[in-house]
Amino acid sequence: DLFSGSGTFTLPLASHADVHAVEA
């Protein structure tokens, strides 16, 4: 998840897959 912020998509995605979040 690129430009992930605080996890808007990362955390819902984590219900389905392993996720690597990248944010500045």
PDBML (XML) file of the C-alpha atoms, coordinates in Angstrom:
<?xml version="1.0" encoding="UTF-8" ?>
<PDBx:datablock datablockName="MODEL"
   xmlns:PDBx="http://pdbml.pdb.org/schema/pdbx-v50.xsd"
   xmlns:xsi="http://www.w3.org/2001/XMLSchema-instance"
   xsi:schemaLocation="http://pdbml.pdb.org/schema/pdbx-v50.xsd pdbx-v50.xsd">
   <PDBx:atom_siteCategory>
      <PDBx:atom_site id="1">
         <PDBx:B_iso_or_equiv>0.00</PDBx:B_iso_or_equiv>
         <PDBx:Cartn_x>0.000</PDBx:Cartn_x>
         <PDBx:Cartn_y>0.000</PDBx:Cartn_y>
         <PDBx:Cartn_z>0.000</PDBx:Cartn_z>
         <PDBx:auth_asym_id>A</PDBx:auth_asym_id>
         <PDBx:auth_atom_id>CA</PDBx:auth_atom_id>
         <PDBx:auth_comp_id>ASP</PDBx:auth_comp_id>
         <PDBx:auth_seq_id>1</PDBx:auth_seq_id>
         <PDBx:group_PDB>ATOM</PDBx:group_PDB>
         <PDBx:label_alt_id xsi:nil="true" />
         <PDBx:label_asym_id>A</PDBx:label_asym_id>
         <PDBx:label_atom_id>CA</PDBx:label_atom_id>
         <PDBx:label_comp_id>ASP</PDBx:label_comp_id>
         <PDBx:label_entity_id>1</PDBx:label_entity_id>
         <PDBx:label_seq_id>1</PDBx:label_seq_id>
         <PDBx:occupancy>1.00</PDBx:occupancy>
         <PDBx:pdbx_PDB_model_num>1</PDBx:pdbx_PDB_model_num>
         <PDBx:type_symbol>C</PDBx:type_symbol>
      </PDBx:atom_site>
      <PDBx:atom_site id="2">
         <PDBx:B_iso_or_equiv>0.00</PDBx:B_iso_or_equiv>
         <PDBx:Cartn_x>1.870</PDBx:Cartn_x>
         <PDBx:Cartn_y>3.035</PDBx:Cartn_y>
         <PDBx:Cartn_z>-1.324</PDBx:Cartn_z>
         <PDBx:auth_asym_id>A</PDBx:auth_asym_id>
         <PDBx:auth_atom_id>CA</PDBx:auth_atom_id>
         <PDBx:auth_comp_id>LEU</PDBx:auth_comp_id>
         <PDBx:auth_seq_id>2</PDBx:auth_seq_id>
         <PDBx:group_PDB>ATOM</PDBx:group_PDB>
         <PDBx:label_alt_id xsi:nil="true" />
         <PDBx:label_asym_id>A</PDBx:label_asym_id>
         <PDBx:label_atom_id>CA</PDBx:label_atom_id>
         <PDBx:label_comp_id>LEU</PDBx:label_comp_id>
         <PDBx:label_entity_id>1</PDBx:label_entity_id>
         <PDBx:label_seq_id>2</PDBx:label_seq_id>
         <PDBx:occupancy>1.00</PDBx:occupancy>
         <PDBx:pdbx_PDB_model_num>1</PDBx:pdbx_PDB_model_num>
         <PDBx:type_symbol>C</PDBx:type_symbol>
      </PDBx:atom_site>
      <PDBx:atom_site id="3">
         <PDBx:B_iso_or_equiv>0.00</PDBx:B_iso_or_equiv>
         <PDBx:Cartn_x>1.166</PDBx:Cartn_x>
         <PDBx:Cartn_y>6.458</PDBx:Cartn_y>
         <PDBx:Cartn_z>0.226</PDBx:Cartn_z>
         <PDBx:auth_asym_id>A</PDBx:auth_asym_id>
         <PDBx:auth_atom_id>CA</PDBx:auth_atom_id>
         <PDBx:auth_comp_id>PHE</PDBx:auth_comp_id>
         <PDBx:auth_seq_id>3</PDBx:auth_seq_id>
         <PDBx:group_PDB>ATOM</PDBx:group_PDB>
         <PDBx:label_alt_id xsi:nil="true" />
         <PDBx:label_asym_id>A</PDBx:label_asym_id>
         <PDBx:label_atom_id>CA</PDBx:label_atom_id>
         <PDBx:label_comp_id>PHE</PDBx:label_comp_id>
         <PDBx:label_entity_id>1</PDBx:label_entity_id>
         <PDBx:label_seq_id>3</PDBx:label_seq_id>
         <PDBx:occupancy>1.00</PDBx:occupancy>
         <PDBx:pdbx_PDB_model_num>1</PDBx:pdbx_PDB_model_num>
         <PDBx:type_symbol>C</PDBx:type_symbol>
      </PDBx:atom_site>
      <PDBx:atom_site id="4">
         <PDBx:B_iso_or_equiv>0.00</PDBx:B_iso_or_equiv>
         <PDBx:Cartn_x>-0.682</PDBx:Cartn_x>
         <PDBx:Cartn_y>4.549</PDBx:Cartn_y>
         <PDBx:Cartn_z>2.938</PDBx:Cartn_z>
         <PDBx:auth_asym_id>A</PDBx:auth_asym_id>
         <PDBx:auth_atom_id>CA</PDBx:auth_atom_id>
         <PDBx:auth_comp_id>SER</PDBx:auth_comp_id>
         <PDBx:auth_seq_id>4</PDBx:auth_seq_id>
         <PDBx:group_PDB>ATOM</PDBx:group_PDB>
         <PDBx:label_alt_id xsi:nil="true" />
         <PDBx:label_asym_id>A</PDBx:label_asym_id>
         <PDBx:label_atom_id>CA</PDBx:label_atom_id>
         <PDBx:label_comp_id>SER</PDBx:label_comp_id>
         <PDBx:label_entity_id>1</PDBx:label_entity_id>
         <PDBx:label_seq_id>4</PDBx:label_seq_id>
         <PDBx:occupancy>1.00</PDBx:occupancy>
         <PDBx:pdbx_PDB_model_num>1</PDBx:pdbx_PDB_model_num>
         <PDBx:type_symbol>C</PDBx:type_symbol>
      </PDBx:atom_site>
      <PDBx:atom_site id="5">
         <PDBx:B_iso_or_equiv>0.00</PDBx:B_iso_or_equiv>
         <PDBx:Cartn_x>-1.289</PDBx:Cartn_x>
         <PDBx:Cartn_y>7.387</PDBx:Cartn_y>
         <PDBx:Cartn_z>5.374</PDBx:Cartn_z>
         <PDBx:auth_asym_id>A</PDBx:auth_asym_id>
         <PDBx:auth_atom_id>CA</PDBx:auth_atom_id>
         <PDBx:auth_comp_id>GLY</PDBx:auth_comp_id>
         <PDBx:auth_seq_id>5</PDBx:auth_seq_id>
         <PDBx:group_PDB>ATOM</PDBx:group_PDB>
         <PDBx:label_alt_id xsi:nil="true" />
         <PDBx:label_asym_id>A</PDBx:label_asym_id>
         <PDBx:label_atom_id>CA</PDBx:label_atom_id>
         <PDBx:label_comp_id>GLY</PDBx:label_comp_id>
         <PDBx:label_entity_id>1</PDBx:label_entity_id>
         <PDBx:label_seq_id>5</PDBx:label_seq_id>
         <PDBx:occupancy>1.00</PDBx:occupancy>
         <PDBx:pdbx_PDB_model_num>1</PDBx:pdbx_PDB_model_num>
         <PDBx:type_symbol>C</PDBx:type_symbol>
      </PDBx:atom_site>
      <PDBx:atom_site id="6">
         <PDBx:B_iso_or_equiv>0.00</PDBx:B_iso_or_equiv>
         <PDBx:Cartn_x>-2.595</PDBx:Cartn_x>
         <PDBx:Cartn_y>6.079</PDBx:Cartn_y>
         <PDBx:Cartn_z>8.689</PDBx:Cartn_z>
         <PDBx:auth_asym_id>A</PDBx:auth_asym_id>
         <PDBx:auth_atom_id>CA</PDBx:auth_atom_id>
         <PDBx:auth_comp_id>SER</PDBx:auth_comp_id>
         <PDBx:auth_seq_id>6</PDBx:auth_seq_id>
         <PDBx:group_PDB>ATOM</PDBx:group_PDB>
         <PDBx:label_alt_id xsi:nil="true" />
         <PDBx:label_asym_id>A</PDBx:label_asym_id>
         <PDBx:label_atom_id>CA</PDBx:label_atom_id>
         <PDBx:label_comp_id>SER</PDBx:label_comp_id>
         <PDBx:label_entity_id>1</PDBx:label_entity_id>
         <PDBx:label_seq_id>6</PDBx:label_seq_id>
         <PDBx:occupancy>1.00</PDBx:occupancy>
         <PDBx:pdbx_PDB_model_num>1</PDBx:pdbx_PDB_model_num>
         <PDBx:type_symbol>C</PDBx:type_symbol>
      </PDBx:atom_site>
      <PDBx:atom_site id="7">
         <PDBx:B_iso_or_equiv>0.00</PDBx:B_iso_or_equiv>
         <PDBx:Cartn_x>-4.050</PDBx:Cartn_x>
         <PDBx:Cartn_y>2.920</PDBx:Cartn_y>
         <PDBx:Cartn_z>7.167</PDBx:Cartn_z>
         <PDBx:auth_asym_id>A</PDBx:auth_asym_id>
         <PDBx:auth_atom_id>CA</PDBx:auth_atom_id>
         <PDBx:auth_comp_id>GLY</PDBx:auth_comp_id>
         <PDBx:auth_seq_id>7</PDBx:auth_seq_id>
         <PDBx:group_PDB>ATOM</PDBx:group_PDB>
         <PDBx:label_alt_id xsi:nil="true" />
         <PDBx:label_asym_id>A</PDBx:label_asym_id>
         <PDBx:label_atom_id>CA</PDBx:label_atom_id>
         <PDBx:label_comp_id>GLY</PDBx:label_comp_id>
         <PDBx:label_entity_id>1</PDBx:label_entity_id>
         <PDBx:label_seq_id>7</PDBx:label_seq_id>
         <PDBx:occupancy>1.00</PDBx:occupancy>
         <PDBx:pdbx_PDB_model_num>1</PDBx:pdbx_PDB_model_num>
         <PDBx:type_symbol>C</PDBx:type_symbol>
      </PDBx:atom_site>
      <PDBx:atom_site id="8">
         <PDBx:B_iso_or_equiv>0.00</PDBx:B_iso_or_equiv>
         <PDBx:Cartn_x>-7.265</PDBx:Cartn_x>
         <PDBx:Cartn_y>3.838</PDBx:Cartn_y>
         <PDBx:Cartn_z>5.331</PDBx:Cartn_z>
         <PDBx:auth_asym_id>A</PDBx:auth_asym_id>
         <PDBx:auth_atom_id>CA</PDBx:auth_atom_id>
         <PDBx:auth_comp_id>THR</PDBx:auth_comp_id>
         <PDBx:auth_seq_id>8</PDBx:auth_seq_id>
         <PDBx:group_PDB>ATOM</PDBx:group_PDB>
         <PDBx:label_alt_id xsi:nil="true" />
         <PDBx:label_asym_id>A</PDBx:label_asym_id>
         <PDBx:label_atom_id>CA</PDBx:label_atom_id>
         <PDBx:label_comp_id>THR</PDBx:label_comp_id>
         <PDBx:label_entity_id>1</PDBx:label_entity_id>
         <PDBx:label_seq_id>8</PDBx:label_seq_id>
         <PDBx:occupancy>1.00</PDBx:occupancy>
         <PDBx:pdbx_PDB_model_num>1</PDBx:pdbx_PDB_model_num>
         <PDBx:type_symbol>C</PDBx:type_symbol>
      </PDBx:atom_site>
      <PDBx:atom_site id="9">
         <PDBx:B_iso_or_equiv>0.00</PDBx:B_iso_or_equiv>
         <PDBx:Cartn_x>-6.729</PDBx:Cartn_x>
         <PDBx:Cartn_y>0.925</PDBx:Cartn_y>
         <PDBx:Cartn_z>2.933</PDBx:Cartn_z>
         <PDBx:auth_asym_id>A</PDBx:auth_asym_id>
         <PDBx:auth_atom_id>CA</PDBx:auth_atom_id>
         <PDBx:auth_comp_id>PHE</PDBx:auth_comp_id>
         <PDBx:auth_seq_id>9</PDBx:auth_seq_id>
         <PDBx:group_PDB>ATOM</PDBx:group_PDB>
         <PDBx:label_alt_id xsi:nil="true" />
         <PDBx:label_asym_id>A</PDBx:label_asym_id>
         <PDBx:label_atom_id>CA</PDBx:label_atom_id>
         <PDBx:label_comp_id>PHE</PDBx:label_comp_id>
         <PDBx:label_entity_id>1</PDBx:label_entity_id>
         <PDBx:label_seq_id>9</PDBx:label_seq_id>
         <PDBx:occupancy>1.00</PDBx:occupancy>
         <PDBx:pdbx_PDB_model_num>1</PDBx:pdbx_PDB_model_num>
         <PDBx:type_symbol>C</PDBx:type_symbol>
      </PDBx:atom_site>
      <PDBx:atom_site id="10">
         <PDBx:B_iso_or_equiv>0.00</PDBx:B_iso_or_equiv>
         <PDBx:Cartn_x>-3.930</PDBx:Cartn_x>
         <PDBx:Cartn_y>-0.955</PDBx:Cartn_y>
         <PDBx:Cartn_z>4.720</PDBx:Cartn_z>
         <PDBx:auth_asym_id>A</PDBx:auth_asym_id>
         <PDBx:auth_atom_id>CA</PDBx:auth_atom_id>
         <PDBx:auth_comp_id>THR</PDBx:auth_comp_id>
         <PDBx:auth_seq_id>10</PDBx:auth_seq_id>
         <PDBx:group_PDB>ATOM</PDBx:group_PDB>
         <PDBx:label_alt_id xsi:nil="true" />
         <PDBx:label_asym_id>A</PDBx:label_asym_id>
         <PDBx:label_atom_id>CA</PDBx:label_atom_id>
         <PDBx:label_comp_id>THR</PDBx:label_comp_id>
         <PDBx:label_entity_id>1</PDBx:label_entity_id>
         <PDBx:label_seq_id>10</PDBx:label_seq_id>
         <PDBx:occupancy>1.00</PDBx:occupancy>
         <PDBx:pdbx_PDB_model_num>1</PDBx:pdbx_PDB_model_num>
         <PDBx:type_symbol>C</PDBx:type_symbol>
      </PDBx:atom_site>
      <PDBx:atom_site id="11">
         <PDBx:B_iso_or_equiv>0.00</PDBx:B_iso_or_equiv>
         <PDBx:Cartn_x>-6.009</PDBx:Cartn_x>
         <PDBx:Cartn_y>-2.108</PDBx:Cartn_y>
         <PDBx:Cartn_z>7.651</PDBx:Cartn_z>
         <PDBx:auth_asym_id>A</PDBx:auth_asym_id>
         <PDBx:auth_atom_id>CA</PDBx:auth_atom_id>
         <PDBx:auth_comp_id>LEU</PDBx:auth_comp_id>
         <PDBx:auth_seq_id>11</PDBx:auth_seq_id>
         <PDBx:group_PDB>ATOM</PDBx:group_PDB>
         <PDBx:label_alt_id xsi:nil="true" />
         <PDBx:label_asym_id>A</PDBx:label_asym_id>
         <PDBx:label_atom_id>CA</PDBx:label_atom_id>
         <PDBx:label_comp_id>LEU</PDBx:label_comp_id>
         <PDBx:label_entity_id>1</PDBx:label_entity_id>
         <PDBx:label_seq_id>11</PDBx:label_seq_id>
         <PDBx:occupancy>1.00</PDBx:occupancy>
         <PDBx:pdbx_PDB_model_num>1</PDBx:pdbx_PDB_model_num>
         <PDBx:type_symbol>C</PDBx:type_symbol>
      </PDBx:atom_site>
      <PDBx:atom_site id="12">
         <PDBx:B_iso_or_equiv>0.00</PDBx:B_iso_or_equiv>
         <PDBx:Cartn_x>-9.108</PDBx:Cartn_x>
         <PDBx:Cartn_y>-3.224</PDBx:Cartn_y>
         <PDBx:Cartn_z>5.719</PDBx:Cartn_z>
         <PDBx:auth_asym_id>A</PDBx:auth_asym_id>
         <PDBx:auth_atom_id>CA</PDBx:auth_atom_id>
         <PDBx:auth_comp_id>PRO</PDBx:auth_comp_id>
         <PDBx:auth_seq_id>12</PDBx:auth_seq_id>
         <PDBx:group_PDB>ATOM</PDBx:group_PDB>
         <PDBx:label_alt_id xsi:nil="true" />
         <PDBx:label_asym_id>A</PDBx:label_asym_id>
         <PDBx:label_atom_id>CA</PDBx:label_atom_id>
         <PDBx:label_comp_id>PRO</PDBx:label_comp_id>
         <PDBx:label_entity_id>1</PDBx:label_entity_id>
         <PDBx:label_seq_id>12</PDBx:label_seq_id>
         <PDBx:occupancy>1.00</PDBx:occupancy>
         <PDBx:pdbx_PDB_model_num>1</PDBx:pdbx_PDB_model_num>
         <PDBx:type_symbol>C</PDBx:type_symbol>
      </PDBx:atom_site>
      <PDBx:atom_site id="13">
         <PDBx:B_iso_or_equiv>0.00</PDBx:B_iso_or_equiv>
         <PDBx:Cartn_x>-6.723</PDBx:Cartn_x>
         <PDBx:Cartn_y>-5.030</PDBx:Cartn_y>
         <PDBx:Cartn_z>3.332</PDBx:Cartn_z>
         <PDBx:auth_asym_id>A</PDBx:auth_asym_id>
         <PDBx:auth_atom_id>CA</PDBx:auth_atom_id>
         <PDBx:auth_comp_id>LEU</PDBx:auth_comp_id>
         <PDBx:auth_seq_id>13</PDBx:auth_seq_id>
         <PDBx:group_PDB>ATOM</PDBx:group_PDB>
         <PDBx:label_alt_id xsi:nil="true" />
         <PDBx:label_asym_id>A</PDBx:label_asym_id>
         <PDBx:label_atom_id>CA</PDBx:label_atom_id>
         <PDBx:label_comp_id>LEU</PDBx:label_comp_id>
         <PDBx:label_entity_id>1</PDBx:label_entity_id>
         <PDBx:label_seq_id>13</PDBx:label_seq_id>
         <PDBx:occupancy>1.00</PDBx:occupancy>
         <PDBx:pdbx_PDB_model_num>1</PDBx:pdbx_PDB_model_num>
         <PDBx:type_symbol>C</PDBx:type_symbol>
      </PDBx:atom_site>
      <PDBx:atom_site id="14">
         <PDBx:B_iso_or_equiv>0.00</PDBx:B_iso_or_equiv>
         <PDBx:Cartn_x>-5.156</PDBx:Cartn_x>
         <PDBx:Cartn_y>-6.800</PDBx:Cartn_y>
         <PDBx:Cartn_z>6.307</PDBx:Cartn_z>
         <PDBx:auth_asym_id>A</PDBx:auth_asym_id>
         <PDBx:auth_atom_id>CA</PDBx:auth_atom_id>
         <PDBx:auth_comp_id>ALA</PDBx:auth_comp_id>
         <PDBx:auth_seq_id>14</PDBx:auth_seq_id>
         <PDBx:group_PDB>ATOM</PDBx:group_PDB>
         <PDBx:label_alt_id xsi:nil="true" />
         <PDBx:label_asym_id>A</PDBx:label_asym_id>
         <PDBx:label_atom_id>CA</PDBx:label_atom_id>
         <PDBx:label_comp_id>ALA</PDBx:label_comp_id>
         <PDBx:label_entity_id>1</PDBx:label_entity_id>
         <PDBx:label_seq_id>14</PDBx:label_seq_id>
         <PDBx:occupancy>1.00</PDBx:occupancy>
         <PDBx:pdbx_PDB_model_num>1</PDBx:pdbx_PDB_model_num>
         <PDBx:type_symbol>C</PDBx:type_symbol>
      </PDBx:atom_site>
      <PDBx:atom_site id="15">
         <PDBx:B_iso_or_equiv>0.00</PDBx:B_iso_or_equiv>
         <PDBx:Cartn_x>-8.386</PDBx:Cartn_x>
         <PDBx:Cartn_y>-8.745</PDBx:Cartn_y>
         <PDBx:Cartn_z>6.764</PDBx:Cartn_z>
         <PDBx:auth_asym_id>A</PDBx:auth_asym_id>
         <PDBx:auth_atom_id>CA</PDBx:auth_atom_id>
         <PDBx:auth_comp_id>SER</PDBx:auth_comp_id>
         <PDBx:auth_seq_id>15</PDBx:auth_seq_id>
         <PDBx:group_PDB>ATOM</PDBx:group_PDB>
         <PDBx:label_alt_id xsi:nil="true" />
         <PDBx:label_asym_id>A</PDBx:label_asym_id>
         <PDBx:label_atom_id>CA</PDBx:label_atom_id>
         <PDBx:label_comp_id>SER</PDBx:label_comp_id>
         <PDBx:label_entity_id>1</PDBx:label_entity_id>
         <PDBx:label_seq_id>15</PDBx:label_seq_id>
         <PDBx:occupancy>1.00</PDBx:occupancy>
         <PDBx:pdbx_PDB_model_num>1</PDBx:pdbx_PDB_model_num>
         <PDBx:type_symbol>C</PDBx:type_symbol>
      </PDBx:atom_site>
      <PDBx:atom_site id="16">
         <PDBx:B_iso_or_equiv>0.00</PDBx:B_iso_or_equiv>
         <PDBx:Cartn_x>-7.529</PDBx:Cartn_x>
         <PDBx:Cartn_y>-10.519</PDBx:Cartn_y>
         <PDBx:Cartn_z>3.505</PDBx:Cartn_z>
         <PDBx:auth_asym_id>A</PDBx:auth_asym_id>
         <PDBx:auth_atom_id>CA</PDBx:auth_atom_id>
         <PDBx:auth_comp_id>HIS</PDBx:auth_comp_id>
         <PDBx:auth_seq_id>16</PDBx:auth_seq_id>
         <PDBx:group_PDB>ATOM</PDBx:group_PDB>
         <PDBx:label_alt_id xsi:nil="true" />
         <PDBx:label_asym_id>A</PDBx:label_asym_id>
         <PDBx:label_atom_id>CA</PDBx:label_atom_id>
         <PDBx:label_comp_id>HIS</PDBx:label_comp_id>
         <PDBx:label_entity_id>1</PDBx:label_entity_id>
         <PDBx:label_seq_id>16</PDBx:label_seq_id>
         <PDBx:occupancy>1.00</PDBx:occupancy>
         <PDBx:pdbx_PDB_model_num>1</PDBx:pdbx_PDB_model_num>
         <PDBx:type_symbol>C</PDBx:type_symbol>
      </PDBx:atom_site>
      <PDBx:atom_site id="17">
         <PDBx:B_iso_or_equiv>0.00</PDBx:B_iso_or_equiv>
         <PDBx:Cartn_x>-3.743</PDBx:Cartn_x>
         <PDBx:Cartn_y>-10.461</PDBx:Cartn_y>
         <PDBx:Cartn_z>2.987</PDBx:Cartn_z>
         <PDBx:auth_asym_id>A</PDBx:auth_asym_id>
         <PDBx:auth_atom_id>CA</PDBx:auth_atom_id>
         <PDBx:auth_comp_id>ALA</PDBx:auth_comp_id>
         <PDBx:auth_seq_id>17</PDBx:auth_seq_id>
         <PDBx:group_PDB>ATOM</PDBx:group_PDB>
         <PDBx:label_alt_id xsi:nil="true" />
         <PDBx:label_asym_id>A</PDBx:label_asym_id>
         <PDBx:label_atom_id>CA</PDBx:label_atom_id>
         <PDBx:label_comp_id>ALA</PDBx:label_comp_id>
         <PDBx:label_entity_id>1</PDBx:label_entity_id>
         <PDBx:label_seq_id>17</PDBx:label_seq_id>
         <PDBx:occupancy>1.00</PDBx:occupancy>
         <PDBx:pdbx_PDB_model_num>1</PDBx:pdbx_PDB_model_num>
         <PDBx:type_symbol>C</PDBx:type_symbol>
      </PDBx:atom_site>
      <PDBx:atom_site id="18">
         <PDBx:B_iso_or_equiv>0.00</PDBx:B_iso_or_equiv>
         <PDBx:Cartn_x>-0.353</PDBx:Cartn_x>
         <PDBx:Cartn_y>-9.520</PDBx:Cartn_y>
         <PDBx:Cartn_z>4.401</PDBx:Cartn_z>
         <PDBx:auth_asym_id>A</PDBx:auth_asym_id>
         <PDBx:auth_atom_id>CA</PDBx:auth_atom_id>
         <PDBx:auth_comp_id>ASP</PDBx:auth_comp_id>
         <PDBx:auth_seq_id>18</PDBx:auth_seq_id>
         <PDBx:group_PDB>ATOM</PDBx:group_PDB>
         <PDBx:label_alt_id xsi:nil="true" />
         <PDBx:label_asym_id>A</PDBx:label_asym_id>
         <PDBx:label_atom_id>CA</PDBx:label_atom_id>
         <PDBx:label_comp_id>ASP</PDBx:label_comp_id>
         <PDBx:label_entity_id>1</PDBx:label_entity_id>
         <PDBx:label_seq_id>18</PDBx:label_seq_id>
         <PDBx:occupancy>1.00</PDBx:occupancy>
         <PDBx:pdbx_PDB_model_num>1</PDBx:pdbx_PDB_model_num>
         <PDBx:type_symbol>C</PDBx:type_symbol>
      </PDBx:atom_site>
      <PDBx:atom_site id="19">
         <PDBx:B_iso_or_equiv>0.00</PDBx:B_iso_or_equiv>
         <PDBx:Cartn_x>0.223</PDBx:Cartn_x>
         <PDBx:Cartn_y>-5.808</PDBx:Cartn_y>
         <PDBx:Cartn_z>3.770</PDBx:Cartn_z>
         <PDBx:auth_asym_id>A</PDBx:auth_asym_id>
         <PDBx:auth_atom_id>CA</PDBx:auth_atom_id>
         <PDBx:auth_comp_id>VAL</PDBx:auth_comp_id>
         <PDBx:auth_seq_id>19</PDBx:auth_seq_id>
         <PDBx:group_PDB>ATOM</PDBx:group_PDB>
         <PDBx:label_alt_id xsi:nil="true" />
         <PDBx:label_asym_id>A</PDBx:label_asym_id>
         <PDBx:label_atom_id>CA</PDBx:label_atom_id>
         <PDBx:label_comp_id>VAL</PDBx:label_comp_id>
         <PDBx:label_entity_id>1</PDBx:label_entity_id>
         <PDBx:label_seq_id>19</PDBx:label_seq_id>
         <PDBx:occupancy>1.00</PDBx:occupancy>
         <PDBx:pdbx_PDB_model_num>1</PDBx:pdbx_PDB_model_num>
         <PDBx:type_symbol>C</PDBx:type_symbol>
      </PDBx:atom_site>
      <PDBx:atom_site id="20">
         <PDBx:B_iso_or_equiv>0.00</PDBx:B_iso_or_equiv>
         <PDBx:Cartn_x>3.321</PDBx:Cartn_x>
         <PDBx:Cartn_y>-3.610</PDBx:Cartn_y>
         <PDBx:Cartn_z>3.606</PDBx:Cartn_z>
         <PDBx:auth_asym_id>A</PDBx:auth_asym_id>
         <PDBx:auth_atom_id>CA</PDBx:auth_atom_id>
         <PDBx:auth_comp_id>HIS</PDBx:auth_comp_id>
         <PDBx:auth_seq_id>20</PDBx:auth_seq_id>
         <PDBx:group_PDB>ATOM</PDBx:group_PDB>
         <PDBx:label_alt_id xsi:nil="true" />
         <PDBx:label_asym_id>A</PDBx:label_asym_id>
         <PDBx:label_atom_id>CA</PDBx:label_atom_id>
         <PDBx:label_comp_id>HIS</PDBx:label_comp_id>
         <PDBx:label_entity_id>1</PDBx:label_entity_id>
         <PDBx:label_seq_id>20</PDBx:label_seq_id>
         <PDBx:occupancy>1.00</PDBx:occupancy>
         <PDBx:pdbx_PDB_model_num>1</PDBx:pdbx_PDB_model_num>
         <PDBx:type_symbol>C</PDBx:type_symbol>
      </PDBx:atom_site>
      <PDBx:atom_site id="21">
         <PDBx:B_iso_or_equiv>0.00</PDBx:B_iso_or_equiv>
         <PDBx:Cartn_x>2.468</PDBx:Cartn_x>
         <PDBx:Cartn_y>0.066</PDBx:Cartn_y>
         <PDBx:Cartn_z>4.155</PDBx:Cartn_z>
         <PDBx:auth_asym_id>A</PDBx:auth_asym_id>
         <PDBx:auth_atom_id>CA</PDBx:auth_atom_id>
         <PDBx:auth_comp_id>ALA</PDBx:auth_comp_id>
         <PDBx:auth_seq_id>21</PDBx:auth_seq_id>
         <PDBx:group_PDB>ATOM</PDBx:group_PDB>
         <PDBx:label_alt_id xsi:nil="true" />
         <PDBx:label_asym_id>A</PDBx:label_asym_id>
         <PDBx:label_atom_id>CA</PDBx:label_atom_id>
         <PDBx:label_comp_id>ALA</PDBx:label_comp_id>
         <PDBx:label_entity_id>1</PDBx:label_entity_id>
         <PDBx:label_seq_id>21</PDBx:label_seq_id>
         <PDBx:occupancy>1.00</PDBx:occupancy>
         <PDBx:pdbx_PDB_model_num>1</PDBx:pdbx_PDB_model_num>
         <PDBx:type_symbol>C</PDBx:type_symbol>
      </PDBx:atom_site>
      <PDBx:atom_site id="22">
         <PDBx:B_iso_or_equiv>0.00</PDBx:B_iso_or_equiv>
         <PDBx:Cartn_x>4.765</PDBx:Cartn_x>
         <PDBx:Cartn_y>2.788</PDBx:Cartn_y>
         <PDBx:Cartn_z>2.805</PDBx:Cartn_z>
         <PDBx:auth_asym_id>A</PDBx:auth_asym_id>
         <PDBx:auth_atom_id>CA</PDBx:auth_atom_id>
         <PDBx:auth_comp_id>VAL</PDBx:auth_comp_id>
         <PDBx:auth_seq_id>22</PDBx:auth_seq_id>
         <PDBx:group_PDB>ATOM</PDBx:group_PDB>
         <PDBx:label_alt_id xsi:nil="true" />
         <PDBx:label_asym_id>A</PDBx:label_asym_id>
         <PDBx:label_atom_id>CA</PDBx:label_atom_id>
         <PDBx:label_comp_id>VAL</PDBx:label_comp_id>
         <PDBx:label_entity_id>1</PDBx:label_entity_id>
         <PDBx:label_seq_id>22</PDBx:label_seq_id>
         <PDBx:occupancy>1.00</PDBx:occupancy>
         <PDBx:pdbx_PDB_model_num>1</PDBx:pdbx_PDB_model_num>
         <PDBx:type_symbol>C</PDBx:type_symbol>
      </PDBx:atom_site>
      <PDBx:atom_site id="23">
         <PDBx:B_iso_or_equiv>0.00</PDBx:B_iso_or_equiv>
         <PDBx:Cartn_x>4.351</PDBx:Cartn_x>
         <PDBx:Cartn_y>6.429</PDBx:Cartn_y>
         <PDBx:Cartn_z>3.842</PDBx:Cartn_z>
         <PDBx:auth_asym_id>A</PDBx:auth_asym_id>
         <PDBx:auth_atom_id>CA</PDBx:auth_atom_id>
         <PDBx:auth_comp_id>GLU</PDBx:auth_comp_id>
         <PDBx:auth_seq_id>23</PDBx:auth_seq_id>
         <PDBx:group_PDB>ATOM</PDBx:group_PDB>
         <PDBx:label_alt_id xsi:nil="true" />
         <PDBx:label_asym_id>A</PDBx:label_asym_id>
         <PDBx:label_atom_id>CA</PDBx:label_atom_id>
         <PDBx:label_comp_id>GLU</PDBx:label_comp_id>
         <PDBx:label_entity_id>1</PDBx:label_entity_id>
         <PDBx:label_seq_id>23</PDBx:label_seq_id>
         <PDBx:occupancy>1.00</PDBx:occupancy>
         <PDBx:pdbx_PDB_model_num>1</PDBx:pdbx_PDB_model_num>
         <PDBx:type_symbol>C</PDBx:type_symbol>
      </PDBx:atom_site>
      <PDBx:atom_site id="24">
         <PDBx:B_iso_or_equiv>0.00</PDBx:B_iso_or_equiv>
         <PDBx:Cartn_x>6.621</PDBx:Cartn_x>
         <PDBx:Cartn_y>9.466</PDBx:Cartn_y>
         <PDBx:Cartn_z>4.237</PDBx:Cartn_z>
         <PDBx:auth_asym_id>A</PDBx:auth_asym_id>
         <PDBx:auth_atom_id>CA</PDBx:auth_atom_id>
         <PDBx:auth_comp_id>ALA</PDBx:auth_comp_id>
         <PDBx:auth_seq_id>24</PDBx:auth_seq_id>
         <PDBx:group_PDB>ATOM</PDBx:group_PDB>
         <PDBx:label_alt_id xsi:nil="true" />
         <PDBx:label_asym_id>A</PDBx:label_asym_id>
         <PDBx:label_atom_id>CA</PDBx:label_atom_id>
         <PDBx:label_comp_id>ALA</PDBx:label_comp_id>
         <PDBx:label_entity_id>1</PDBx:label_entity_id>
         <PDBx:label_seq_id>24</PDBx:label_seq_id>
         <PDBx:occupancy>1.00</PDBx:occupancy>
         <PDBx:pdbx_PDB_model_num>1</PDBx:pdbx_PDB_model_num>
         <PDBx:type_symbol>C</PDBx:type_symbol>
      </PDBx:atom_site>
   </PDBx:atom_siteCategory>
</PDBx:datablock>
